Amino acid sequence: MAKEPGTIMRQEIREQPQAIAATVAREAPAIDELVARLKRDDISAALVVARGTSDNANQYGLYM
């Protein structure tokens, strides 16, 4: 039986807060290490090359 259009997308949208929290918690040590290395090496900029949906995520990241 087919699901109503948009059902899966709505479910995924509702799952986003928990998915983001889990990802941040899991990756926190690596993020902390990267931040420390960037500060230690005096890195003040990064170049992100992306296309499609990755580029959309990159554009969002510019505002963070």
C-alpha atoms as a PDB file:
ATOM      1  CA  MET A   1       0.000   0.000   0.000  1.00  0.00           C
ATOM      2  CA  ALA A   2       1.418   3.394  -1.017  1.00  0.00           C
ATOM      3  CA  LYS A   3       1.892   6.084   1.571  1.00  0.00           C
ATOM      4  CA  GLU A   4       0.274   9.484   1.279  1.00  0.00           C
ATOM      5  CA  PRO A   5       2.513  11.949  -0.622  1.00  0.00           C
ATOM      6  CA  GLY A   6       4.844  13.837   1.691  1.00  0.00           C
ATOM      7  CA  THR A   7       4.485  11.370   4.577  1.00  0.00           C
ATOM      8  CA  ILE A   8       8.092  10.197   4.495  1.00  0.00           C
ATOM      9  CA  MET A   9       9.430  13.735   4.142  1.00  0.00           C
ATOM     10  CA  ARG A  10       7.333  14.941   7.106  1.00  0.00           C
ATOM     11  CA  GLN A  11       8.653  12.059   9.191  1.00  0.00           C
ATOM     12  CA  GLU A  12      12.251  12.899   8.246  1.00  0.00           C
ATOM     13  CA  ILE A  13      11.717  16.575   9.085  1.00  0.00           C
ATOM     14  CA  ARG A  14      10.405  15.610  12.531  1.00  0.00           C
ATOM     15  CA  GLU A  15      13.476  13.411  13.075  1.00  0.00           C
ATOM     16  CA  GLN A  16      15.957  16.197  12.293  1.00  0.00           C
ATOM     17  CA  PRO A  17      16.411  17.625  15.825  1.00  0.00           C
ATOM     18  CA  GLN A  18      17.256  14.202  17.264  1.00  0.00           C
ATOM     19  CA  ALA A  19      19.457  13.289  14.286  1.00  0.00           C
ATOM     20  CA  ILE A  20      21.408  16.552  14.550  1.00  0.00           C
ATOM     21  CA  ALA A  21      21.832  16.174  18.311  1.00  0.00           C
ATOM     22  CA  ALA A  22      23.093  12.600  17.900  1.00  0.00           C
ATOM     23  CA  THR A  23      25.530  13.625  15.154  1.00  0.00           C
ATOM     24  CA  VAL A  24      26.911  16.540  17.152  1.00  0.00           C
ATOM     25  CA  ALA A  25      27.302  14.364  20.260  1.00  0.00           C
ATOM     26  CA  ARG A  26      29.041  11.622  18.269  1.00  0.00           C
ATOM     27  CA  GLU A  27      31.344  14.009  16.408  1.00  0.00           C
ATOM     28  CA  ALA A  28      32.061  16.450  19.265  1.00  0.00           C
ATOM     29  CA  PRO A  29      35.555  15.073  20.012  1.00  0.00           C
ATOM     30  CA  ALA A  30      36.594  15.342  16.344  1.00  0.00           C
ATOM     31  CA  ILE A  31      35.109  18.845  16.096  1.00  0.00           C
ATOM     32  CA  ASP A  32      36.953  19.941  19.249  1.00  0.00           C
ATOM     33  CA  GLU A  33      40.209  18.526  17.866  1.00  0.00           C
ATOM     34  CA  LEU A  34      39.710  20.316  14.545  1.00  0.00           C
ATOM     35  CA  VAL A  35      38.977  23.629  16.274  1.00  0.00           C
ATOM     36  CA  ALA A  36      42.107  23.264  18.414  1.00  0.00           C
ATOM     37  CA  ARG A  37      44.248  22.513  15.332  1.00  0.00           C
ATOM     38  CA  LEU A  38      42.809  25.452  13.390  1.00  0.00           C
ATOM     39  CA  LYS A  39      43.561  27.782  16.301  1.00  0.00           C
ATOM     40  CA  ARG A  40      47.027  26.309  16.856  1.00  0.00           C
ATOM     41  CA  ASP A  41      47.946  26.638  13.180  1.00  0.00           C
ATOM     42  CA  ASP A  42      46.330  30.103  12.958  1.00  0.00           C
ATOM     43  CA  ILE A  43      43.921  29.082  10.174  1.00  0.00           C
ATOM     44  CA  SER A  44      41.384  31.863   9.639  1.00  0.00           C
ATOM     45  CA  ALA A  45      39.589  30.752   6.466  1.00  0.00           C
ATOM     46  CA  ALA A  46      38.508  27.642   4.611  1.00  0.00           C
ATOM     47  CA  LEU A  47      37.470  27.003   1.030  1.00  0.00           C
ATOM     48  CA  VAL A  48      34.574  24.636   0.469  1.00  0.00           C
ATOM     49  CA  VAL A  49      33.984  23.324  -3.033  1.00  0.00           C
ATOM     50  CA  ALA A  50      30.557  21.761  -3.478  1.00  0.00           C
ATOM     51  CA  ARG A  51      27.810  21.141  -5.952  1.00  0.00           C
ATOM     52  CA  GLY A  52      24.072  20.469  -5.692  1.00  0.00           C
ATOM     53  CA  THR A  53      22.683  19.846  -2.227  1.00  0.00           C
ATOM     54  CA  SER A  54      26.191  19.996  -0.735  1.00  0.00           C
ATOM     55  CA  ASP A  55      26.438  23.534  -2.064  1.00  0.00           C
ATOM     56  CA  ASN A  56      23.142  24.367  -0.353  1.00  0.00           C
ATOM     57  CA  ALA A  57      24.578  23.109   2.932  1.00  0.00           C
ATOM     58  CA  ASN A  58      27.714  25.154   2.296  1.00  0.00           C
ATOM     59  CA  GLN A  59      25.644  28.295   1.755  1.00  0.00           C
ATOM     60  CA  TYR A  60      23.850  27.658   5.058  1.00  0.00           C
ATOM     61  CA  GLY A  61      27.215  27.190   6.775  1.00  0.00           C
ATOM     62  CA  LEU A  62      28.308  30.650   5.663  1.00  0.00           C
ATOM     63  CA  TYR A  63      25.801  32.114   8.100  1.00  0.00           C
ATOM     64  CA  MET A  64      26.851  30.021  11.087  1.00  0.00           C
END
